[in-house]
Amino acid sequence: MSVARLLHIFGNSKCVASVKMIHGKLVSSGLLPNVYNGNHLIGMYVDCHSLEEAYQVFVEMPERNLVSWTRLVFCYTEKGFPGTALELFRCMVEEGFKPNEFSYVAGILACTVLGNLRMGKEIHAKIFRCGYETNMFVTNTLINLYAKCCLLLFARRVFNSIAWPNLVSWTSLVAGYAQCGQSREALYIFRDSQQAGIKVNPHSSAIVLGACASISGLFCGQQIHAHVIKCGIELDSFVENAVIDMYAKCGELDSAHRAFKVVVEPSVVSWTTHIAGYAQKGEEQIALNLFAELHASGPQPNEYTLSCVLGACGSIVALEQGRQLHSLVLKTGYKQIIFVGNAMLDMYCKCGLHEDSLKVFEEMIEHDVVSWNTLIAGHAHLSYGWNAIKLFKQMMNEDVQPTVFTYSCILSLCGNLPAPEWGRQIHCYIIKPGFNANLFVGNSLVDMYANSGRIRDAVNVFNGLPMRNLVTWNTILMGYAQHGFGREALEIFGLMQEAGLEPNDITFLGVLTACGRAGLVEEGCSYFESMSRDHGIVPRADHHACVVDLLGRAGQLLRAYEFIMNMPSEPDKVIWRCLLSACVSHKDIILGKFAAEHIIKADPQDISAYVMLANIFSDHEMWEEAAKVRWMTRETGMKKDPGCSWIELNNEVHAFISEDRAHLDNDAIYDVLYGIAAHISDAGYVPDMGYVCVDGVV
């Protein structure tokens, strides 16, 4: 048997021991210095996943040819070491070897995997000078390089230079456009390929189905699905999963389920795609049921499955199932995968267990920016605002670069606390990397300053934004409205319409609030009517509440009552509370009692209704009725939560509750308060005791 035949047989066996045995025979027989045998031996070791041995053979070869270098470059790229492959390509050129079309393809592939566009362009220039630009193998690889690097114009130029593009050329271009987010253009190119007579294959079918999914193009996806079936293409797992994903992302969950049922032996990828489809469309419980089926049917869930199902548990606060999944993650060993850990963090945060989320975070070996963002957002959502800010400080101390989402979350938190000084510091952090020009961050800055009462700063940020959307306009409009600048808010509304933006329901909430603050009753009612008449917006309960508040502030209580009675839907307790609040202000005991009864009927435990009703009775010196209301609150065990105020000083928040004695500087604080009270009394101020309640009810 010849040496070549022997090498071929044992090369196909992919057994390292056999290859080493042949290697030893070649050495002992003196045949190894042969370049052909050395190249064959390199390939055998690579097929056995023994790159070190392959490289050692290469190094010990006394003579190498272009095939030796090219084979090694290919091997290192295919095995996931493109950087080493590119270095070998450079060494090959430096040693005087003139690359051929296969060598150039190996080098371009390494650049593609690395995303090394500069080196890729250098190789392209060498290809052009050597006259290989007409080689189909080379040009297809160049299209793939530029497409993967999202240089679609370059990819298109290379494609247009091909006289007769083949299936690989068309598919590479379609894939490039799809991967770079230009799915519609990818579908147009696919259509052109069909008109050019190019047949579809499973790979191209999966790509275009994915493009349809990304733009929710159901009709187009159905056409491609039908075309795949008509062409008799074998539905491999990639196509089957792409069909399921397309229907799920287009909202056709029944069609996705039917496509899943057609799969003879669904893989874990098929299951994951199907489960993710339901979870992403708000059918989390069905997703959890499908996961239970998967777990019972045998296939082992992978890290993507577990991440998806943990997200579903968080969305519907399925804590018990979430804990069971946590145990499964520990058993399967996936807890060290960052995105699985992030999913567990998110699940515990959404279930309201911030301590459990912190424990998961601490047990993670590695954290990425998503881990920090999830934990910060979770603590902010659970009203642990200052803990979230401390986490942000810790994140910065560990040199983790915040993202747009991080800054937006922290700014929102600073506005809600409010903590304007911290907000200013965050603003400085944002300016350094240039995020202040980002629309998402800019909107958060406007909102933070507006919520903190710093309208001038909010306006300055608003005016400095290079681009504004409806959210930007709504934010500054609502900021003006909430702080009593009604006419300024309406001016913003006019400017927004001049800019060509169509108002939405949030816009009209701001407009109605502004009219209420400015006392513009008729204008407010006119805007309310224009919502449905001119803009096709159906008023919600909060819009009706704004109108009741508008009329109540103006003292038009009877008109407010008539408005409530003519509502198309049943008024909720918020609307009745707006009327009751107006009755307290304007001392209308009849309507006030009527509104309070409706609030108590809707929510018997609503302490605020009892308090305001008792205040009305007290104001009219109806002491027995007031005492009766207070007695009812005591008998039912209701107690009003004490009001809390706070100030931010030197990045520290100081909170105060009525008759609070817990502060470290308590004595000094009360000395100042007594002094202020004395100055007020000396100035002739007489307090209104009409709303003072007794017996600890308020």
Foldseek 3Di string as FASTA:
>chain_A
DDLVVQLVVLLVVLDPVSLVVNVVVCVVVVNLLDQVSLLSSLSSCLSNVNNVVSVVSLVPRPDYAQSSLLVNLQSCLVSPNLVVSLVSLVVCVVVPHDDDLSSLLSNLSSCQVVVVVVVNVVSVVSCVVVVVLQPLSNLLSNLLSCLSNLVLVSSVVSLVVHPDHAPSSLLSSLLSCQVNPNLVVSVVSVVVCVVVVHDDAQSSLLSNLSSCLVVLVVVVNVVSVVVCVVVVHDCDLSNLLSNLLSCLSNVNLVSSVVSLVVDPDHALSSLQSNLLSCLVVPNLVVSVVSVVVVVVVDHDHDLSSLLSNLQSCLVVLVPVVNVVSVVVCVVVVVLQPASNLLSNLLSCLSNLNLVVSVVSLVPHPDYALSSLLSSLLSCLVSVVLVVSVVSVVVCVVVVHDHDLSSLLSNLQSCLVVPPVVVNVVSVVVCVVVPNLQPASNLLSNLLSCLSVVNLVSSVVSLVPHPDYDQSSLLRNLQSCLVNLNLVVSVVSVVVCVVVVHQDAQSSLLSNLSSCLSVLVLVVNVVSVVCCCVPRNYDHDLSSLLSNLLSCLSNVNLVVSVVSQVPDPDHHALSSLVSSLVSCLVVLPLPSNVVSLVRNCVRPVQPLVSLLSNLLSCLLVVVNVVSVVSLVVCVVVVHADDWDKDWDADPNDIDIDTVVDQPDPCRVVVVVVVVVVVVVCVVVPDDDDCSSPDDPRRD
